[in-house]
Amino acid sequence: MDMSRFQYETRPKALAANLVVGACYRFTVLTPSLIRMEFHSNGVFEDRASQSVFFRDFPEVSYSKKLENGILTVETEELVLTYCENAPFSAETLSLRLKNAPATSWNFGDEFEDLGGTYKTLDMSNGEVPLGQGVCSRNGFSVMDDSTTMLLNDEGWVEVRTPNTVDCYFWGYGFRYREAVADLYRLTGIPPMLPAYALGNWWSRYHAYTQEEYQDLVLRFEKEEVPFSVGVVDMDWHIVNIPDEYKNGEGWEFESGWTGYTWNEELFPDYKAFLRFLREHNLKVSLNLHPAQGVACHEVMYEELATACGIDPKTRKRVKLDILSPEFMAKYFDIIHHP
């Protein structure tokens, strides 16, 4: 089974010269303005890539460190970090100060404002939404908390973190916003360029369209010169109301019809022609998927997937989604998703 599809280029291990390490803490001086801060009571530090951070192999940085009366001071051209050695990170034990304009400071855990980053989902949103944190701020600093992301193992697959770990990045770039964003890309990887069609208008409505309704809608948009580049077909493209005769397998008490992979031919009697129609009218196609409930026995590909996963199809046992298993996910893509 080819697992190379799950591999990413990562260089997550930092230079030893950039590390300041104690029994319970580790600081990584990535640039004069960017410091990684780790704490774990058992001294467990993480050199694997995370879902967010792929590259920590920054060049060697010039800095000084001093330990005096239990107080550790790490200083670069831009920052001064002060820490009560081996104490849990808190506002009383860890602080960072910008040496240059605006010469602000931050105590660990203090709230702060920045200029915003991204937003996870537009579900249930109508109008303004609160952005997540970014790396640029009028205060001259921001903090990226990577403590709860999953990790990538040596095979490139996700794993859970050691519990009770603190893993944060302090961005103290002052008003050098372009430099801060450039180093964000250096740390996390360059985001891929979006295809042009993705920047166009997407038609998306949570509604149980029939094939005829959707096609008529596309023709009306064209007639009225309303431009769309992506046609989203929400979850009713697949079977939602599961026939009762299938509801005798293991796990049906959790069934909601939210997850599905079998076309609803009552709504889309010729779904292949429907997909051709959308493409002929210059629309990219998106089908909504919600995979959390696994694959149940009514799905057209259930028997093949169950057999591949070591389940006797006659038992009608649900095939559970196992996102932590690359072997399962390879079968998921090959047998379920890609077809």
C-alpha atoms as a PDB file:
ATOM      1  CA  MET A   1       0.000   0.000   0.000  1.00  0.00           C
ATOM      2  CA  ASP A   2       1.500   3.309  -1.095  1.00  0.00           C
ATOM      3  CA  MET A   3       1.728   5.654   1.893  1.00  0.00           C
ATOM      4  CA  SER A   4       3.821   8.289   0.099  1.00  0.00           C
ATOM      5  CA  ARG A   5       0.630  10.263  -0.591  1.00  0.00           C
ATOM      6  CA  PHE A   6       0.587  11.205   3.096  1.00  0.00           C
ATOM      7  CA  GLN A   7       4.181  12.432   3.195  1.00  0.00           C
ATOM      8  CA  TYR A   8       5.079  16.106   3.514  1.00  0.00           C
ATOM      9  CA  GLU A   9       8.445  17.783   3.372  1.00  0.00           C
ATOM     10  CA  THR A  10       9.315  18.757   6.928  1.00  0.00           C
ATOM     11  CA  ARG A  11      12.479  19.841   8.712  1.00  0.00           C
ATOM     12  CA  PRO A  12      11.184  20.184  12.243  1.00  0.00           C
ATOM     13  CA  LYS A  13      14.349  19.845  14.304  1.00  0.00           C
ATOM     14  CA  ALA A  14      16.002  23.095  15.362  1.00  0.00           C
ATOM     15  CA  LEU A  15      19.740  23.681  15.488  1.00  0.00           C
ATOM     16  CA  ALA A  16      21.239  22.682  18.830  1.00  0.00           C
ATOM     17  CA  ALA A  17      22.987  26.059  18.947  1.00  0.00           C
ATOM     18  CA  ASN A  18      19.595  27.795  19.080  1.00  0.00           C
ATOM     19  CA  LEU A  19      18.330  25.803  22.111  1.00  0.00           C
ATOM     20  CA  VAL A  20      18.229  26.880  25.744  1.00  0.00           C
ATOM     21  CA  VAL A  21      17.213  23.799  27.733  1.00  0.00           C
ATOM     22  CA  GLY A  22      16.432  23.027  31.363  1.00  0.00           C
ATOM     23  CA  ALA A  23      14.807  20.179  33.272  1.00  0.00           C
ATOM     24  CA  CYS A  24      11.246  21.303  32.478  1.00  0.00           C
ATOM     25  CA  TYR A  25      11.628  23.981  29.813  1.00  0.00           C
ATOM     26  CA  ARG A  26      13.132  24.595  26.411  1.00  0.00           C
ATOM     27  CA  PHE A  27      13.430  27.872  24.540  1.00  0.00           C
ATOM     28  CA  THR A  28      14.319  27.845  20.846  1.00  0.00           C
ATOM     29  CA  VAL A  29      15.680  31.119  19.491  1.00  0.00           C
ATOM     30  CA  LEU A  30      14.526  30.901  15.881  1.00  0.00           C
ATOM     31  CA  THR A  31      15.225  34.539  14.946  1.00  0.00           C
ATOM     32  CA  PRO A  32      16.136  37.589  17.034  1.00  0.00           C
ATOM     33  CA  SER A  33      12.377  38.289  17.180  1.00  0.00           C
ATOM     34  CA  LEU A  34      10.893  34.779  17.295  1.00  0.00           C
ATOM     35  CA  ILE A  35      11.235  32.413  20.263  1.00  0.00           C
ATOM     36  CA  ARG A  36       9.584  29.044  20.775  1.00  0.00           C
ATOM     37  CA  MET A  37       8.626  28.339  24.402  1.00  0.00           C
ATOM     38  CA  GLU A  38       8.064  24.780  25.655  1.00  0.00           C
ATOM     39  CA  PHE A  39       7.238  23.497  29.120  1.00  0.00           C
ATOM     40  CA  HIS A  40       6.536  20.013  30.427  1.00  0.00           C
ATOM     41  CA  SER A  41       6.998  18.876  34.009  1.00  0.00           C
ATOM     42  CA  ASN A  42       8.662  15.651  32.816  1.00  0.00           C
ATOM     43  CA  GLY A  43      11.016  17.421  30.428  1.00  0.00           C
ATOM     44  CA  VAL A  44       9.321  16.016  27.327  1.00  0.00           C
ATOM     45  CA  PHE A  45      10.133  18.295  24.394  1.00  0.00           C
ATOM     46  CA  GLU A  46       8.888  17.900  20.864  1.00  0.00           C
ATOM     47  CA  ASP A  47      11.075  17.748  17.756  1.00  0.00           C
ATOM     48  CA  ARG A  48       8.414  16.411  15.408  1.00  0.00           C
ATOM     49  CA  ALA A  49       6.503  18.616  13.014  1.00  0.00           C
ATOM     50  CA  SER A  50       3.002  19.652  14.026  1.00  0.00           C
ATOM     51  CA  GLN A  51      -0.054  20.293  11.898  1.00  0.00           C
ATOM     52  CA  SER A  52       0.981  23.962  11.916  1.00  0.00           C
ATOM     53  CA  VAL A  53       4.773  23.999  12.114  1.00  0.00           C
ATOM     54  CA  PHE A  54       6.864  22.142   9.542  1.00  0.00           C
ATOM     55  CA  PHE A  55      10.257  23.899   9.550  1.00  0.00           C
ATOM     56  CA  ARG A  56      12.298  24.841  12.631  1.00  0.00           C
ATOM     57  CA  ASP A  57      15.721  24.563  10.985  1.00  0.00           C
ATOM     58  CA  PHE A  58      16.355  28.314  11.080  1.00  0.00           C
ATOM     59  CA  PRO A  59      19.939  29.561  10.789  1.00  0.00           C
ATOM     60  CA  GLU A  60      22.006  30.007  13.934  1.00  0.00           C
ATOM     61  CA  VAL A  61      21.021  33.101  15.931  1.00  0.00           C
ATOM     62  CA  SER A  62      23.284  35.282  18.052  1.00  0.00           C
ATOM     63  CA  TYR A  63      21.963  35.569  21.626  1.00  0.00           C
ATOM     64  CA  SER A  64      23.153  35.561  25.218  1.00  0.00           C
ATOM     65  CA  LYS A  65      21.863  33.626  28.211  1.00  0.00           C
ATOM     66  CA  LYS A  66      22.441  34.168  31.924  1.00  0.00           C
ATOM     67  CA  LEU A  67      21.259  32.255  34.982  1.00  0.00           C
ATOM     68  CA  GLU A  68      21.430  34.173  38.231  1.00  0.00           C
ATOM     69  CA  ASN A  69      19.610  33.401  41.499  1.00  0.00           C
ATOM     70  CA  GLY A  70      17.245  31.059  39.683  1.00  0.00           C
ATOM     71  CA  ILE A  71      16.331  33.668  37.050  1.00  0.00           C
ATOM     72  CA  LEU A  72      17.155  32.834  33.427  1.00  0.00           C
ATOM     73  CA  THR A  73      17.611  35.722  30.997  1.00  0.00           C
ATOM     74  CA  VAL A  74      17.844  35.141  27.246  1.00  0.00           C
ATOM     75  CA  GLU A  75      18.612  38.217  25.149  1.00  0.00           C
ATOM     76  CA  THR A  76      18.767  38.830  21.399  1.00  0.00           C
ATOM     77  CA  GLU A  77      19.087  42.022  19.367  1.00  0.00           C
ATOM     78  CA  GLU A  78      15.320  42.439  19.605  1.00  0.00           C
ATOM     79  CA  LEU A  79      14.022  40.638  22.713  1.00  0.00           C
ATOM     80  CA  VAL A  80      14.694  39.993  26.380  1.00  0.00           C
ATOM     81  CA  LEU A  81      13.157  36.843  27.863  1.00  0.00           C
ATOM     82  CA  THR A  82      13.065  36.476  31.658  1.00  0.00           C
ATOM     83  CA  TYR A  83      12.067  33.211  33.327  1.00  0.00           C
ATOM     84  CA  CYS A  84      12.017  31.678  36.828  1.00  0.00           C
ATOM     85  CA  GLU A  85      13.891  28.509  35.974  1.00  0.00           C
ATOM     86  CA  ASN A  86      11.843  25.281  35.853  1.00  0.00           C
ATOM     87  CA  ALA A  87       8.675  26.942  37.156  1.00  0.00           C
ATOM     88  CA  PRO A  88       5.426  26.343  35.255  1.00  0.00           C
ATOM     89  CA  PHE A  89       4.854  29.121  32.750  1.00  0.00           C
ATOM     90  CA  SER A  90       2.686  31.900  34.191  1.00  0.00           C
ATOM     91  CA  ALA A  91       2.451  35.686  34.278  1.00  0.00           C
ATOM     92  CA  GLU A  92       4.659  35.620  37.373  1.00  0.00           C
ATOM     93  CA  THR A  93       7.362  33.336  35.965  1.00  0.00           C
ATOM     94  CA  LEU A  94       7.805  34.201  32.276  1.00  0.00           C
ATOM     95  CA  SER A  95       7.900  37.523  30.445  1.00  0.00           C
ATOM     96  CA  LEU A  96       9.267  38.902  27.194  1.00  0.00           C
ATOM     97  CA  ARG A  97      10.143  42.488  26.344  1.00  0.00           C
ATOM     98  CA  LEU A  98      10.800  44.226  23.035  1.00  0.00           C
ATOM     99  CA  LYS A  99      14.031  46.201  23.111  1.00  0.00           C
ATOM    100  CA  ASN A 100      12.993  48.418  20.199  1.00  0.00           C
ATOM    101  CA  ALA A 101       9.834  50.334  19.262  1.00  0.00           C
ATOM    102  CA  PRO A 102       7.193  50.065  20.578  1.00  0.00           C
ATOM    103  CA  ALA A 103       9.209  48.571  23.480  1.00  0.00           C
ATOM    104  CA  THR A 104       6.221  46.703  24.895  1.00  0.00           C
ATOM    105  CA  SER A 105       6.279  43.641  27.131  1.00  0.00           C
ATOM    106  CA  TRP A 106       4.141  40.554  27.666  1.00  0.00           C
ATOM    107  CA  ASN A 107       3.696  38.260  30.640  1.00  0.00           C
ATOM    108  CA  PHE A 108       2.800  34.671  29.834  1.00  0.00           C
ATOM    109  CA  GLY A 109      -0.956  34.178  29.690  1.00  0.00           C
ATOM    110  CA  ASP A 110      -1.836  37.870  29.493  1.00  0.00           C
ATOM    111  CA  GLU A 111      -4.510  38.740  26.961  1.00  0.00           C
ATOM    112  CA  PHE A 112      -3.514  40.965  24.066  1.00  0.00           C
ATOM    113  CA  GLU A 113      -4.828  42.304  20.787  1.00  0.00           C
ATOM    114  CA  ASP A 114      -3.307  41.787  17.382  1.00  0.00           C
ATOM    115  CA  LEU A 115      -4.366  42.530  13.817  1.00  0.00           C
ATOM    116  CA  GLY A 116      -6.045  39.180  13.314  1.00  0.00           C
ATOM    117  CA  GLY A 117      -5.353  36.001  11.426  1.00  0.00           C
ATOM    118  CA  THR A 118      -7.785  33.465   9.995  1.00  0.00           C
ATOM    119  CA  TYR A 119     -11.242  32.179  10.892  1.00  0.00           C
ATOM    120  CA  LYS A 120     -12.035  28.488  11.146  1.00  0.00           C
ATOM    121  CA  THR A 121     -15.526  28.301   9.658  1.00  0.00           C
ATOM    122  CA  LEU A 122     -18.346  30.512   8.443  1.00  0.00           C
ATOM    123  CA  ASP A 123     -21.007  28.112   9.755  1.00  0.00           C
ATOM    124  CA  MET A 124     -23.829  30.029  11.494  1.00  0.00           C
ATOM    125  CA  SER A 125     -22.148  33.342  10.634  1.00  0.00           C
ATOM    126  CA  ASN A 126     -23.978  36.381   9.297  1.00  0.00           C
ATOM    127  CA  GLY A 127     -21.884  39.519   8.984  1.00  0.00           C
ATOM    128  CA  GLU A 128     -18.751  40.323  10.949  1.00  0.00           C
ATOM    129  CA  VAL A 129     -16.841  37.425  12.517  1.00  0.00           C
ATOM    130  CA  PRO A 130     -14.056  37.500  15.143  1.00  0.00           C
ATOM    131  CA  LEU A 131     -10.753  36.554  13.517  1.00  0.00           C
ATOM    132  CA  GLY A 132      -8.265  34.242  15.171  1.00  0.00           C
ATOM    133  CA  GLN A 133      -4.883  35.518  16.229  1.00  0.00           C
ATOM    134  CA  GLY A 134      -2.216  36.541  13.734  1.00  0.00           C
ATOM    135  CA  VAL A 135       1.447  37.479  14.055  1.00  0.00           C
ATOM    136  CA  CYS A 136       1.201  41.255  13.570  1.00  0.00           C
ATOM    137  CA  SER A 137       0.085  43.755  16.197  1.00  0.00           C
ATOM    138  CA  ARG A 138       0.061  47.464  16.946  1.00  0.00           C
ATOM    139  CA  ASN A 139       1.552  46.399  20.285  1.00  0.00           C
ATOM    140  CA  GLY A 140       4.509  44.967  18.381  1.00  0.00           C
ATOM    141  CA  PHE A 141       4.036  41.356  19.464  1.00  0.00           C
ATOM    142  CA  SER A 142       1.770  38.346  19.234  1.00  0.00           C
ATOM    143  CA  VAL A 143       1.766  34.748  20.465  1.00  0.00           C
ATOM    144  CA  MET A 144       0.969  31.609  18.485  1.00  0.00           C
ATOM    145  CA  ASP A 145      -0.178  28.735  20.703  1.00  0.00           C
ATOM    146  CA  ASP A 146       0.640  25.399  19.064  1.00  0.00           C
ATOM    147  CA  SER A 147       0.020  23.330  22.194  1.00  0.00           C
ATOM    148  CA  THR A 148      -3.108  21.530  21.012  1.00  0.00           C
ATOM    149  CA  THR A 149      -2.321  20.744  17.382  1.00  0.00           C
ATOM    150  CA  MET A 150      -1.575  17.172  16.430  1.00  0.00           C
ATOM    151  CA  LEU A 151       1.910  16.001  15.515  1.00  0.00           C
ATOM    152  CA  LEU A 152       3.272  14.316  12.398  1.00  0.00           C
ATOM    153  CA  ASN A 153       5.173  11.084  13.011  1.00  0.00           C
ATOM    154  CA  ASP A 154       8.073   9.739  10.958  1.00  0.00           C
ATOM    155  CA  GLU A 155       5.625   8.312   8.414  1.00  0.00           C
ATOM    156  CA  GLY A 156       3.957  11.714   8.039  1.00  0.00           C
ATOM    157  CA  TRP A 157       0.749  10.740   9.818  1.00  0.00           C
ATOM    158  CA  VAL A 158      -0.930  12.537  12.707  1.00  0.00           C
ATOM    159  CA  GLU A 159      -0.442  11.590  16.361  1.00  0.00           C
ATOM    160  CA  VAL A 160      -1.719  13.090  19.594  1.00  0.00           C
ATOM    161  CA  ARG A 161       0.609  15.152  21.777  1.00  0.00           C
ATOM    162  CA  THR A 162       1.917  14.341  25.211  1.00  0.00           C
ATOM    163  CA  PRO A 163      -0.701  15.740  27.625  1.00  0.00           C
ATOM    164  CA  ASN A 164      -0.147  18.938  29.609  1.00  0.00           C
ATOM    165  CA  THR A 165       2.418  20.335  27.212  1.00  0.00           C
ATOM    166  CA  VAL A 166       2.917  24.051  26.561  1.00  0.00           C
ATOM    167  CA  ASP A 167       4.248  24.859  23.091  1.00  0.00           C
ATOM    168  CA  CYS A 168       4.022  28.527  22.088  1.00  0.00           C
ATOM    169  CA  TYR A 169       5.795  30.951  19.753  1.00  0.00           C
ATOM    170  CA  PHE A 170       6.402  34.582  20.690  1.00  0.00           C
ATOM    171  CA  TRP A 171       6.492  37.000  17.744  1.00  0.00           C
ATOM    172  CA  GLY A 172       8.199  40.237  18.757  1.00  0.00           C
ATOM    173  CA  TYR A 173       8.685  41.978  15.422  1.00  0.00           C
ATOM    174  CA  GLY A 174       7.510  45.440  16.417  1.00  0.00           C
ATOM    175  CA  PHE A 175       6.073  47.109  13.348  1.00  0.00           C
ATOM    176  CA  ARG A 176       8.073  44.975  10.897  1.00  0.00           C
ATOM    177  CA  TYR A 177       4.929  43.256   9.686  1.00  0.00           C
ATOM    178  CA  ARG A 178       6.265  41.961   6.370  1.00  0.00           C
ATOM    179  CA  GLU A 179       9.205  40.361   8.132  1.00  0.00           C
ATOM    180  CA  ALA A 180       6.880  38.718  10.673  1.00  0.00           C
ATOM    181  CA  VAL A 181       4.690  37.221   7.942  1.00  0.00           C
ATOM    182  CA  ALA A 182       7.751  36.092   5.965  1.00  0.00           C
ATOM    183  CA  ASP A 183       9.043  34.223   9.016  1.00  0.00           C
ATOM    184  CA  LEU A 184       5.585  32.737   9.586  1.00  0.00           C
ATOM    185  CA  TYR A 185       5.856  31.249   6.095  1.00  0.00           C
ATOM    186  CA  ARG A 186       9.402  30.133   6.869  1.00  0.00           C
ATOM    187  CA  LEU A 187       8.131  28.311   9.975  1.00  0.00           C
ATOM    188  CA  THR A 188       4.902  26.820   8.645  1.00  0.00           C
ATOM    189  CA  GLY A 189       5.675  26.469   4.942  1.00  0.00           C
ATOM    190  CA  ILE A 190       4.596  28.557   1.972  1.00  0.00           C
ATOM    191  CA  PRO A 191       0.828  28.276   1.500  1.00  0.00           C
ATOM    192  CA  PRO A 192      -0.092  26.876  -1.914  1.00  0.00           C
ATOM    193  CA  MET A 193      -1.516  29.289  -4.453  1.00  0.00           C
ATOM    194  CA  LEU A 194      -5.261  28.992  -4.829  1.00  0.00           C
ATOM    195  CA  PRO A 195      -6.550  28.161  -8.314  1.00  0.00           C
ATOM    196  CA  ALA A 196      -8.287  31.129  -9.912  1.00  0.00           C
ATOM    197  CA  TYR A 197     -11.712  29.486  -9.859  1.00  0.00           C
ATOM    198  CA  ALA A 198     -11.598  29.218  -6.046  1.00  0.00           C
ATOM    199  CA  LEU A 199     -11.546  33.014  -5.841  1.00  0.00           C
ATOM    200  CA  GLY A 200     -14.795  33.284  -7.781  1.00  0.00           C
ATOM    201  CA  ASN A 201     -18.359  33.018  -6.525  1.00  0.00           C
ATOM    202  CA  TRP A 202     -19.482  29.712  -5.013  1.00  0.00           C
ATOM    203  CA  TRP A 203     -23.136  28.707  -5.051  1.00  0.00           C
ATOM    204  CA  SER A 204     -23.880  26.905  -1.781  1.00  0.00           C
ATOM    205  CA  ARG A 205     -27.264  26.329  -0.169  1.00  0.00           C
ATOM    206  CA  TYR A 206     -28.301  23.690   2.361  1.00  0.00           C
ATOM    207  CA  HIS A 207     -31.314  22.440   0.426  1.00  0.00           C
ATOM    208  CA  ALA A 208     -32.438  19.069  -0.937  1.00  0.00           C
ATOM    209  CA  TYR A 209     -32.204  19.983  -4.609  1.00  0.00           C
ATOM    210  CA  THR A 210     -33.355  17.627  -7.311  1.00  0.00           C
ATOM    211  CA  GLN A 211     -31.169  17.210 -10.350  1.00  0.00           C
ATOM    212  CA  GLU A 212     -33.662  19.179 -12.466  1.00  0.00           C
ATOM    213  CA  GLU A 213     -33.925  22.021  -9.907  1.00  0.00           C
ATOM    214  CA  TYR A 214     -30.179  22.468  -9.703  1.00  0.00           C
ATOM    215  CA  GLN A 215     -29.722  22.436 -13.463  1.00  0.00           C
ATOM    216  CA  ASP A 216     -32.556  24.934 -13.941  1.00  0.00           C
ATOM    217  CA  LEU A 217     -30.924  27.178 -11.335  1.00  0.00           C
ATOM    218  CA  VAL A 218     -27.605  27.118 -13.197  1.00  0.00           C
ATOM    219  CA  LEU A 219     -29.361  28.058 -16.437  1.00  0.00           C
ATOM    220  CA  ARG A 220     -31.175  30.916 -14.696  1.00  0.00           C
ATOM    221  CA  PHE A 221     -27.889  32.240 -13.278  1.00  0.00           C
ATOM    222  CA  GLU A 222     -26.447  32.235 -16.795  1.00  0.00           C
ATOM    223  CA  LYS A 223     -29.515  33.969 -18.242  1.00  0.00           C
ATOM    224  CA  GLU A 224     -29.381  36.704 -15.617  1.00  0.00           C
ATOM    225  CA  GLU A 225     -25.574  36.924 -15.935  1.00  0.00           C
ATOM    226  CA  VAL A 226     -24.871  35.982 -12.328  1.00  0.00           C
ATOM    227  CA  PRO A 227     -21.349  34.521 -12.438  1.00  0.00           C
ATOM    228  CA  PHE A 228     -20.445  31.400 -10.467  1.00  0.00           C
ATOM    229  CA  SER A 229     -17.304  29.282 -10.661  1.00  0.00           C
ATOM    230  CA  VAL A 230     -18.066  26.543  -8.104  1.00  0.00           C
ATOM    231  CA  GLY A 231     -21.291  24.621  -7.648  1.00  0.00           C
ATOM    232  CA  VAL A 232     -21.637  23.162  -4.155  1.00  0.00           C
ATOM    233  CA  VAL A 233     -24.088  20.285  -3.693  1.00  0.00           C
ATOM    234  CA  ASP A 234     -24.888  19.941  -0.002  1.00  0.00           C
ATOM    235  CA  MET A 235     -25.285  16.675   1.875  1.00  0.00           C
ATOM    236  CA  ASP A 236     -28.599  15.647   0.303  1.00  0.00           C
ATOM    237  CA  TRP A 237     -26.698  14.443  -2.753  1.00  0.00           C
ATOM    238  CA  HIS A 238     -26.268  11.233  -0.759  1.00  0.00           C
ATOM    239  CA  ILE A 239     -28.851   9.024   0.953  1.00  0.00           C
ATOM    240  CA  VAL A 240     -29.944  10.711   4.183  1.00  0.00           C
ATOM    241  CA  ASN A 241     -33.083   8.772   5.154  1.00  0.00           C
ATOM    242  CA  ILE A 242     -31.716   5.271   5.697  1.00  0.00           C
ATOM    243  CA  PRO A 243     -34.163   2.468   4.820  1.00  0.00           C
ATOM    244  CA  ASP A 244     -35.306   0.566   7.937  1.00  0.00           C
ATOM    245  CA  GLU A 245     -34.172  -2.805   6.581  1.00  0.00           C
ATOM    246  CA  TYR A 246     -30.558  -1.692   6.975  1.00  0.00           C
ATOM    247  CA  LYS A 247     -30.896  -0.578  10.583  1.00  0.00           C
ATOM    248  CA  ASN A 248     -30.012  -3.829  12.272  1.00  0.00           C
ATOM    249  CA  GLY A 249     -26.241  -3.677  12.263  1.00  0.00           C
ATOM    250  CA  GLU A 250     -23.937  -2.692  15.087  1.00  0.00           C
ATOM    251  CA  GLY A 251     -23.766   1.043  15.821  1.00  0.00           C
ATOM    252  CA  TRP A 252     -27.118   2.132  14.387  1.00  0.00           C
ATOM    253  CA  GLU A 253     -28.079   3.844  17.615  1.00  0.00           C
ATOM    254  CA  PHE A 254     -25.742   6.640  16.511  1.00  0.00           C
ATOM    255  CA  GLU A 255     -27.075   6.946  12.974  1.00  0.00           C
ATOM    256  CA  SER A 256     -28.314  10.352  11.847  1.00  0.00           C
ATOM    257  CA  GLY A 257     -27.900  10.195   8.082  1.00  0.00           C
ATOM    258  CA  TRP A 258     -25.336  12.987   8.299  1.00  0.00           C
ATOM    259  CA  THR A 259     -22.577  10.784   6.882  1.00  0.00           C
ATOM    260  CA  GLY A 260     -23.064   9.229   3.461  1.00  0.00           C
ATOM    261  CA  TYR A 261     -21.359   8.198   0.222  1.00  0.00           C
ATOM    262  CA  THR A 262     -24.136   6.706  -1.929  1.00  0.00           C
ATOM    263  CA  TRP A 263     -25.881   8.980  -4.433  1.00  0.00           C
ATOM    264  CA  ASN A 264     -29.579   9.568  -3.779  1.00  0.00           C
ATOM    265  CA  GLU A 265     -30.961   8.502  -7.125  1.00  0.00           C
ATOM    266  CA  GLU A 266     -34.461   9.711  -6.221  1.00  0.00           C
ATOM    267  CA  LEU A 267     -33.121  13.271  -6.294  1.00  0.00           C
ATOM    268  CA  PHE A 268     -30.362  12.621  -8.873  1.00  0.00           C
ATOM    269  CA  PRO A 269     -31.613   9.869 -11.206  1.00  0.00           C
ATOM    270  CA  ASP A 270     -28.589  10.297 -13.498  1.00  0.00           C
ATOM    271  CA  TYR A 271     -25.901  11.821 -11.326  1.00  0.00           C
ATOM    272  CA  LYS A 272     -23.172  11.261 -13.910  1.00  0.00           C
ATOM    273  CA  ALA A 273     -25.114  13.347 -16.422  1.00  0.00           C
ATOM    274  CA  PHE A 274     -25.645  15.938 -13.681  1.00  0.00           C
ATOM    275  CA  LEU A 275     -21.911  16.208 -13.039  1.00  0.00           C
ATOM    276  CA  ARG A 276     -21.256  16.464 -16.789  1.00  0.00           C
ATOM    277  CA  PHE A 277     -23.831  19.240 -17.010  1.00  0.00           C
ATOM    278  CA  LEU A 278     -22.109  21.277 -14.299  1.00  0.00           C
ATOM    279  CA  ARG A 279     -18.720  20.878 -15.958  1.00  0.00           C
ATOM    280  CA  GLU A 280     -20.119  21.754 -19.386  1.00  0.00           C
ATOM    281  CA  HIS A 281     -21.396  24.977 -17.807  1.00  0.00           C
ATOM    282  CA  ASN A 282     -17.909  25.780 -16.501  1.00  0.00           C
ATOM    283  CA  LEU A 283     -18.590  24.957 -12.861  1.00  0.00           C
ATOM    284  CA  LYS A 284     -16.196  23.119 -10.600  1.00  0.00           C
ATOM    285  CA  VAL A 285     -18.101  20.717  -8.365  1.00  0.00           C
ATOM    286  CA  SER A 286     -18.020  20.328  -4.595  1.00  0.00           C
ATOM    287  CA  LEU A 287     -19.962  17.627  -2.720  1.00  0.00           C
ATOM    288  CA  ASN A 288     -20.374  18.091   1.032  1.00  0.00           C
ATOM    289  CA  LEU A 289     -19.024  15.238   3.144  1.00  0.00           C
ATOM    290  CA  HIS A 290     -19.292  14.630   6.892  1.00  0.00           C
ATOM    291  CA  PRO A 291     -17.265  11.442   7.518  1.00  0.00           C
ATOM    292  CA  ALA A 292     -17.388  11.160  11.327  1.00  0.00           C
ATOM    293  CA  GLN A 293     -19.935   8.306  11.509  1.00  0.00           C
ATOM    294  CA  GLY A 294     -17.910   5.924   9.363  1.00  0.00           C
ATOM    295  CA  VAL A 295     -19.395   3.725   6.647  1.00  0.00           C
ATOM    296  CA  ALA A 296     -22.654   1.857   7.257  1.00  0.00           C
ATOM    297  CA  CYS A 297     -23.954  -1.257   5.570  1.00  0.00           C
ATOM    298  CA  HIS A 298     -26.370   0.510   3.205  1.00  0.00           C
ATOM    299  CA  GLU A 299     -23.534   2.167   1.259  1.00  0.00           C
ATOM    300  CA  VAL A 300     -22.807   0.751  -2.205  1.00  0.00           C
ATOM    301  CA  MET A 301     -19.121   0.303  -1.390  1.00  0.00           C
ATOM    302  CA  TYR A 302     -19.694  -1.131   2.104  1.00  0.00           C
ATOM    303  CA  GLU A 303     -18.929  -4.765   1.246  1.00  0.00           C
ATOM    304  CA  GLU A 304     -15.590  -3.939  -0.387  1.00  0.00           C
ATOM    305  CA  LEU A 305     -14.491  -1.634   2.433  1.00  0.00           C
ATOM    306  CA  ALA A 306     -15.660  -3.944   5.217  1.00  0.00           C
ATOM    307  CA  THR A 307     -13.789  -6.872   3.657  1.00  0.00           C
ATOM    308  CA  ALA A 308     -10.644  -4.753   3.260  1.00  0.00           C
ATOM    309  CA  CYS A 309     -10.906  -3.782   6.949  1.00  0.00           C
ATOM    310  CA  GLY A 310     -11.316  -7.381   8.148  1.00  0.00           C
ATOM    311  CA  ILE A 311     -15.059  -7.141   8.831  1.00  0.00           C
ATOM    312  CA  ASP A 312     -17.473  -9.821   7.616  1.00  0.00           C
ATOM    313  CA  PRO A 313     -20.031  -7.842   5.544  1.00  0.00           C
ATOM    314  CA  LYS A 314     -22.764 -10.252   6.659  1.00  0.00           C
ATOM    315  CA  THR A 315     -22.506  -8.822  10.177  1.00  0.00           C
ATOM    316  CA  ARG A 316     -23.502  -5.384   8.849  1.00  0.00           C
ATOM    317  CA  LYS A 317     -21.077  -3.944  11.375  1.00  0.00           C
ATOM    318  CA  ARG A 318     -20.314  -0.287  10.815  1.00  0.00           C
ATOM    319  CA  VAL A 319     -16.789   0.483   9.555  1.00  0.00           C
ATOM    320  CA  LYS A 320     -15.598   3.158  11.961  1.00  0.00           C
ATOM    321  CA  LEU A 321     -13.671   6.186  10.759  1.00  0.00           C
ATOM    322  CA  ASP A 322     -10.116   5.898  12.090  1.00  0.00           C
ATOM    323  CA  ILE A 323      -8.406   9.156  11.193  1.00  0.00           C
ATOM    324  CA  LEU A 324      -5.293   8.149  13.185  1.00  0.00           C
ATOM    325  CA  SER A 325      -4.656   5.121  10.962  1.00  0.00           C
ATOM    326  CA  PRO A 326      -2.923   5.804   7.635  1.00  0.00           C
ATOM    327  CA  GLU A 327      -3.768   2.246   6.553  1.00  0.00           C
ATOM    328  CA  PHE A 328      -7.480   2.868   7.072  1.00  0.00           C
ATOM    329  CA  MET A 329      -7.349   6.279   5.432  1.00  0.00           C
ATOM    330  CA  ALA A 330      -5.661   4.833   2.357  1.00  0.00           C
ATOM    331  CA  LYS A 331      -8.591   2.414   2.034  1.00  0.00           C
ATOM    332  CA  TYR A 332     -11.015   5.269   2.694  1.00  0.00           C
ATOM    333  CA  PHE A 333      -9.595   7.282  -0.198  1.00  0.00           C
ATOM    334  CA  ASP A 334      -9.186   4.354  -2.602  1.00  0.00           C
ATOM    335  CA  ILE A 335     -12.504   2.578  -1.993  1.00  0.00           C
ATOM    336  CA  ILE A 336     -14.820   5.370  -0.815  1.00  0.00           C
ATOM    337  CA  HIS A 337     -13.671   8.870  -1.562  1.00  0.00           C
ATOM    338  CA  HIS A 338     -11.943   8.808  -4.922  1.00  0.00           C
ATOM    339  CA  PRO A 339     -14.544   6.638  -6.726  1.00  0.00           C
END
